[in-house]
Amino acid sequence: MQTQATTAVAEPFGLPPGGGESVAATPAAPPARDISVQDFQPSWPNEVEPGFEHVQLKVPPLLALLPDWLFILRADGVLLGGHAPSESGCPQAPRRWAGKRLADLLPPALSEVADGYLTRTLATQRTHAFACQHLVDGRVCDFQVRVTPHGLNQVLVLVRDVSERKLLEKEILDISNREQMRIGQDLHDGLGQHLTGITFLTRALENKLAAQGLPEAAEAAEIGKLVLQALTQTRNLARGLFPVELESGGLARAFKDIAATV
C-alpha cells in the first residue's frame, strides 16, 4: 500500500511527451545531480564527547529511510536535482527532470502556488509548508510540501503523499459518526421510551390518588414533572447525536417535537 502511495507522487512532476514548454533554450541549464552530503550541514555542539569527534552524517542511509521526494530548486524555479524514494519505482526521475522549470512539470494552478512559496521562502529565509491536491491516475491525491532555504538562491523541497493518511482519517471520522448515531438512536429508542412509559404511569398514579382525595397526589405530580424533564433532556441529547425525527418523521415532526420542549 505504501509503495502505491509513494509512486503516485512521481506523476504530478512529469509530463507526457511533447507536454509543457520547451526548455532547450534556457540559458545555463544546470547539470543533473543527486542530493549529497554537501546538502546537509548538521550543527554540532562546540564541545563533543570523546570518541565522537569523527562522527559524520551518512546521507545514503538517511535518504533510504525517507518515503518522500526531495528536490533542490533554483530561485527561478529550475529543478537542479533531487532524490526519489526507493519505493517509487523510478529512482532516476529527478535526473530526468533536472533543468526543467516548475511550469514544465506541474499543472498551471499548482505551478503558480509552488512559485509563490518558492519566492516567499527565499524572501523570508524561513521554512514554509502547504498542502495541495492533484489528479493522479484518475484519482485525487493529497500532498504535503515543505520548502526550506538551501544555500544561495536555492530551496530544498520535501514532497509527501498523504493520500493514504487522509483516507484513514476519513474512515475514522465515518466510524465515529456511525457510533455517534448509534448512541443517539439507542437513547431515543431505549431510555427515551422507558422514560415515556414512566411518565404515563406517574400521571395515572396522580389521577388515582387525586380521585381518592389523597395528599400524595401532589407528590406524584412532582415526580411526573421530574421524569418529564429527564425525558426532554434525553430527547435533546439524542437529537444532537442522531436526528432520528428527521430521518423517520420528516421536518414537520421535528419542529413539532422541538416546540413541545419549549
Protein backbone atom coordinates (compact mmCIF):
# COMPACT_ATOMS: atom_id res chain seq x y z
CA MET A 1 0.00 0.00 0.00
CA GLN A 2 2.86 2.39 0.84
CA THR A 3 4.52 1.68 -2.49
CA GLN A 4 1.42 2.64 -4.37
CA ALA A 5 1.07 5.89 -2.43
CA THR A 6 4.65 7.00 -2.96
CA THR A 7 4.67 6.03 -6.62
CA ALA A 8 1.78 8.38 -7.20
CA VAL A 9 3.91 11.36 -6.22
CA ALA A 10 6.06 10.98 -9.32
CA GLU A 11 3.25 11.66 -11.73
CA PRO A 12 2.49 15.32 -10.82
CA PHE A 13 6.08 16.26 -11.68
CA GLY A 14 6.18 14.59 -15.09
CA LEU A 15 4.57 15.39 -18.41
CA PRO A 16 3.68 13.22 -21.39
CA PRO A 17 5.94 13.54 -24.43
CA GLY A 18 5.51 16.94 -26.03
CA GLY A 19 3.76 18.41 -22.99
CA GLY A 20 4.82 21.72 -21.45
CA GLU A 21 7.10 24.47 -22.62
CA SER A 22 10.46 23.53 -24.08
CA VAL A 23 13.50 24.45 -22.01
CA ALA A 24 16.08 23.71 -24.70
CA ALA A 25 16.85 27.42 -25.00
CA THR A 26 17.07 28.03 -21.26
CA PRO A 27 20.46 29.63 -20.56
CA ALA A 28 22.88 27.94 -18.19
CA ALA A 29 20.82 24.80 -17.67
CA PRO A 30 22.30 23.12 -14.60
CA PRO A 31 23.64 19.59 -14.83
CA ALA A 32 21.63 16.90 -13.12
CA ARG A 33 22.91 15.83 -9.74
CA ASP A 34 21.84 13.76 -6.80
CA ILE A 35 21.48 15.04 -3.27
CA SER A 36 24.79 14.57 -1.46
CA VAL A 37 26.39 15.16 1.91
CA GLN A 38 27.12 18.79 0.95
CA ASP A 39 23.37 19.41 1.02
CA PHE A 40 23.21 18.57 4.72
CA GLN A 41 25.29 20.54 7.18
CA PRO A 42 24.44 19.29 10.68
CA SER A 43 25.05 21.65 13.57
CA TRP A 44 27.27 20.01 16.18
CA PRO A 45 27.83 21.39 19.70
CA ASN A 46 31.09 23.18 20.39
CA GLU A 47 32.16 20.55 22.87
CA VAL A 48 31.89 16.98 21.58
CA GLU A 49 32.20 13.98 23.84
CA PRO A 50 35.43 11.99 23.47
CA GLY A 51 35.11 9.33 20.80
CA PHE A 52 32.56 11.27 18.71
CA GLU A 53 34.92 13.74 17.06
CA HIS A 54 34.78 11.98 13.66
CA VAL A 55 31.05 11.24 13.57
CA GLN A 56 29.67 12.27 10.18
CA LEU A 57 26.21 12.28 8.71
CA LYS A 58 25.91 9.49 6.16
CA VAL A 59 23.46 10.68 3.54
CA PRO A 60 22.64 7.45 1.62
CA PRO A 61 21.31 5.60 4.70
CA LEU A 62 19.43 8.73 5.71
CA LEU A 63 17.74 9.07 2.33
CA ALA A 64 16.95 5.36 2.27
CA LEU A 65 14.77 5.89 5.34
CA LEU A 66 12.70 8.65 3.76
CA PRO A 67 9.45 7.76 1.96
CA ASP A 68 9.43 11.25 0.48
CA TRP A 69 10.68 13.00 -2.62
CA LEU A 70 13.41 15.63 -2.19
CA PHE A 71 14.13 18.34 -4.74
CA ILE A 72 16.58 21.22 -4.99
CA LEU A 73 15.13 24.23 -6.80
CA ARG A 74 16.82 27.37 -8.03
CA ALA A 75 15.30 30.79 -7.40
CA ASP A 76 13.95 30.92 -10.97
CA GLY A 77 12.05 27.66 -10.45
CA VAL A 78 14.53 25.40 -12.26
CA LEU A 79 14.94 21.94 -10.73
CA LEU A 80 18.61 21.24 -10.05
CA GLY A 81 18.33 17.69 -8.77
CA GLY A 82 16.71 15.53 -6.19
CA HIS A 83 16.12 12.15 -4.65
CA ALA A 84 13.39 9.61 -5.30
CA PRO A 85 12.41 7.09 -2.60
CA SER A 86 13.25 3.50 -3.38
CA GLU A 87 9.57 2.56 -3.15
CA SER A 88 8.71 4.90 -6.02
CA GLY A 89 9.97 2.55 -8.72
CA CYS A 90 11.56 5.43 -10.68
CA PRO A 91 14.78 6.41 -8.90
CA GLN A 92 16.15 8.21 -11.99
CA ALA A 93 13.16 10.54 -12.32
CA PRO A 94 14.83 13.54 -10.60
CA ARG A 95 17.74 13.30 -13.06
CA ARG A 96 15.33 13.31 -16.00
CA TRP A 97 13.56 16.37 -14.63
CA ALA A 98 16.76 18.32 -13.87
CA GLY A 99 16.96 21.57 -15.83
CA LYS A 100 13.19 21.85 -16.23
CA ARG A 101 11.06 24.57 -14.71
CA LEU A 102 8.11 24.09 -12.39
CA ALA A 103 5.84 25.35 -15.16
CA ASP A 104 7.03 22.45 -17.33
CA LEU A 105 6.45 19.82 -14.66
CA LEU A 106 3.28 20.94 -12.89
CA PRO A 107 -0.24 21.99 -13.90
CA PRO A 108 -0.59 25.79 -14.18
CA ALA A 109 -2.54 26.30 -10.94
CA LEU A 110 -0.19 24.13 -8.88
CA SER A 111 2.87 25.66 -10.53
CA GLU A 112 1.67 29.13 -9.54
CA VAL A 113 1.23 28.04 -5.91
CA ALA A 114 4.66 26.42 -5.85
CA ASP A 115 6.29 29.54 -7.36
CA GLY A 116 4.65 31.65 -4.68
CA TYR A 117 6.06 29.53 -1.86
CA LEU A 118 9.46 29.44 -3.55
CA THR A 119 9.55 33.24 -3.63
CA ARG A 120 8.25 33.54 -0.07
CA THR A 121 10.81 31.07 1.29
CA LEU A 122 13.74 32.88 -0.31
CA ALA A 123 12.44 36.28 0.80
CA THR A 124 11.88 35.29 4.44
CA GLN A 125 14.63 32.67 4.73
CA ARG A 126 12.19 30.55 6.70
CA THR A 127 10.61 27.15 6.14
CA HIS A 128 7.11 27.15 4.69
CA ALA A 129 4.61 24.33 4.21
CA PHE A 130 1.45 23.91 2.19
CA ALA A 131 -0.98 21.20 1.16
CA CYS A 132 -2.32 20.55 -2.30
CA GLN A 133 -4.40 18.09 -4.29
CA HIS A 134 -3.66 16.72 -7.72
CA LEU A 135 -5.34 14.21 -10.00
CA VAL A 136 -3.09 11.16 -10.43
CA ASP A 137 -4.12 8.05 -12.36
CA GLY A 138 -7.76 9.13 -12.27
CA ARG A 139 -7.94 9.77 -8.52
CA VAL A 140 -7.41 12.86 -6.40
CA CYS A 141 -4.26 12.59 -4.28
CA ASP A 142 -3.32 14.72 -1.30
CA PHE A 143 0.22 16.04 -0.88
CA GLN A 144 2.09 17.91 1.81
CA VAL A 145 5.00 20.08 0.69
CA ARG A 146 7.69 21.72 2.82
CA VAL A 147 10.04 24.32 1.36
CA THR A 148 13.16 25.48 3.21
CA PRO A 149 16.10 27.76 2.26
CA HIS A 150 19.10 25.87 0.93
CA GLY A 151 22.30 27.68 0.09
CA LEU A 152 22.44 30.73 -2.14
CA ASN A 153 19.19 31.35 -4.05
CA GLN A 154 18.11 27.74 -3.70
CA VAL A 155 15.46 25.85 -1.73
CA LEU A 156 15.11 22.25 -0.63
CA VAL A 157 11.63 20.82 -1.20
CA LEU A 158 10.16 17.76 0.50
CA VAL A 159 7.03 16.25 -1.08
CA ARG A 160 4.99 13.68 0.82
CA ASP A 161 1.97 11.76 -0.45
CA VAL A 162 -0.57 11.76 2.40
CA SER A 163 -3.47 10.28 0.45
CA GLU A 164 -3.42 7.09 2.48
CA ARG A 165 -3.39 9.02 5.75
CA LYS A 166 -6.27 11.22 4.59
CA LEU A 167 -8.24 8.11 3.67
CA LEU A 168 -7.63 6.61 7.10
CA GLU A 169 -8.69 9.86 8.75
CA LYS A 170 -11.93 9.83 6.75
CA GLU A 171 -12.60 6.23 7.72
CA ILE A 172 -12.04 7.06 11.40
CA LEU A 173 -14.39 10.03 11.10
CA ASP A 174 -17.04 7.87 9.42
CA ILE A 175 -16.76 5.26 12.17
CA SER A 176 -17.08 7.98 14.81
CA ASN A 177 -20.17 9.41 13.11
CA ARG A 178 -21.81 5.99 12.87
CA GLU A 179 -21.11 5.29 16.54
CA GLN A 180 -22.50 8.67 17.49
CA MET A 181 -25.67 7.98 15.52
CA ARG A 182 -26.00 4.57 17.17
CA ILE A 183 -25.74 6.07 20.66
CA GLY A 184 -28.30 8.74 19.76
CA GLN A 185 -30.71 6.15 18.40
CA ASP A 186 -30.25 3.97 21.49
CA LEU A 187 -31.06 6.96 23.70
CA HIS A 188 -34.16 7.71 21.67
CA ASP A 189 -35.45 4.16 21.30
CA GLY A 190 -34.23 2.82 24.64
CA LEU A 191 -34.01 5.27 27.54
CA GLY A 192 -36.44 7.69 25.91
CA GLN A 193 -39.15 5.03 25.62
CA HIS A 194 -38.63 3.90 29.23
CA LEU A 195 -38.99 7.46 30.50
CA THR A 196 -42.12 7.93 28.38
CA GLY A 197 -43.64 4.85 29.99
CA ILE A 198 -42.77 6.11 33.49
CA THR A 199 -44.39 9.45 32.66
CA PHE A 200 -47.67 7.74 31.79
CA LEU A 201 -47.53 5.61 34.95
CA THR A 202 -46.90 8.58 37.23
CA ARG A 203 -49.73 10.51 35.59
CA ALA A 204 -52.08 7.55 36.09
CA LEU A 205 -50.96 7.31 39.72
CA GLU A 206 -51.53 11.03 40.21
CA ASN A 207 -55.07 10.79 38.83
CA LYS A 208 -55.84 7.76 41.01
CA LEU A 209 -54.60 9.46 44.19
CA ALA A 210 -56.39 12.69 43.33
CA ALA A 211 -59.67 10.79 42.80
CA GLN A 212 -59.31 9.34 46.30
CA GLY A 213 -58.59 12.79 47.73
CA LEU A 214 -55.15 11.77 48.99
CA PRO A 215 -52.43 14.41 49.50
CA GLU A 216 -49.85 12.12 47.89
CA ALA A 217 -51.32 13.13 44.51
CA ALA A 218 -49.20 16.32 44.62
CA GLU A 219 -46.05 14.28 45.21
CA ALA A 220 -46.92 12.00 42.31
CA ALA A 221 -47.41 15.08 40.11
CA GLU A 222 -43.97 16.38 41.14
CA ILE A 223 -42.38 13.03 40.29
CA GLY A 224 -44.08 13.16 36.92
CA LYS A 225 -42.64 16.62 36.23
CA LEU A 226 -39.12 15.45 37.06
CA VAL A 227 -39.46 12.43 34.82
CA LEU A 228 -40.77 14.65 32.03
CA GLN A 229 -37.75 16.93 32.41
CA ALA A 230 -35.45 13.91 32.20
CA LEU A 231 -37.29 12.76 29.08
CA THR A 232 -36.86 16.20 27.47
CA GLN A 233 -33.12 16.22 28.20
CA THR A 234 -32.78 12.70 26.80
CA ARG A 235 -34.59 13.69 23.60
CA ASN A 236 -32.42 16.79 23.18
CA LEU A 237 -29.26 14.73 23.67
CA ALA A 238 -30.47 12.07 21.23
CA ARG A 239 -31.42 14.73 18.69
CA GLY A 240 -27.91 16.20 18.92
CA LEU A 241 -26.30 12.81 18.34
CA PHE A 242 -28.76 11.46 15.80
CA PRO A 243 -31.73 13.46 14.37
CA VAL A 244 -33.95 10.40 14.33
CA GLU A 245 -37.11 12.50 13.96
CA LEU A 246 -35.75 14.00 10.75
CA GLU A 247 -34.93 10.53 9.47
CA SER A 248 -38.26 8.91 10.29
CA GLY A 249 -40.89 11.63 10.70
CA GLY A 250 -39.72 14.42 8.47
CA LEU A 251 -39.09 18.11 9.13
CA ALA A 252 -42.63 18.86 10.34
CA ARG A 253 -42.38 16.17 13.02
CA ALA A 254 -39.03 17.53 14.17
CA PHE A 255 -40.38 21.08 14.50
CA LYS A 256 -43.38 19.77 16.45
CA ASP A 257 -41.13 17.93 18.91
CA ILE A 258 -38.90 20.97 19.36
CA ALA A 259 -41.93 23.21 20.01
CA ALA A 260 -43.20 20.75 22.61
CA THR A 261 -39.99 21.10 24.63
CA VAL A 262 -40.05 24.93 24.75
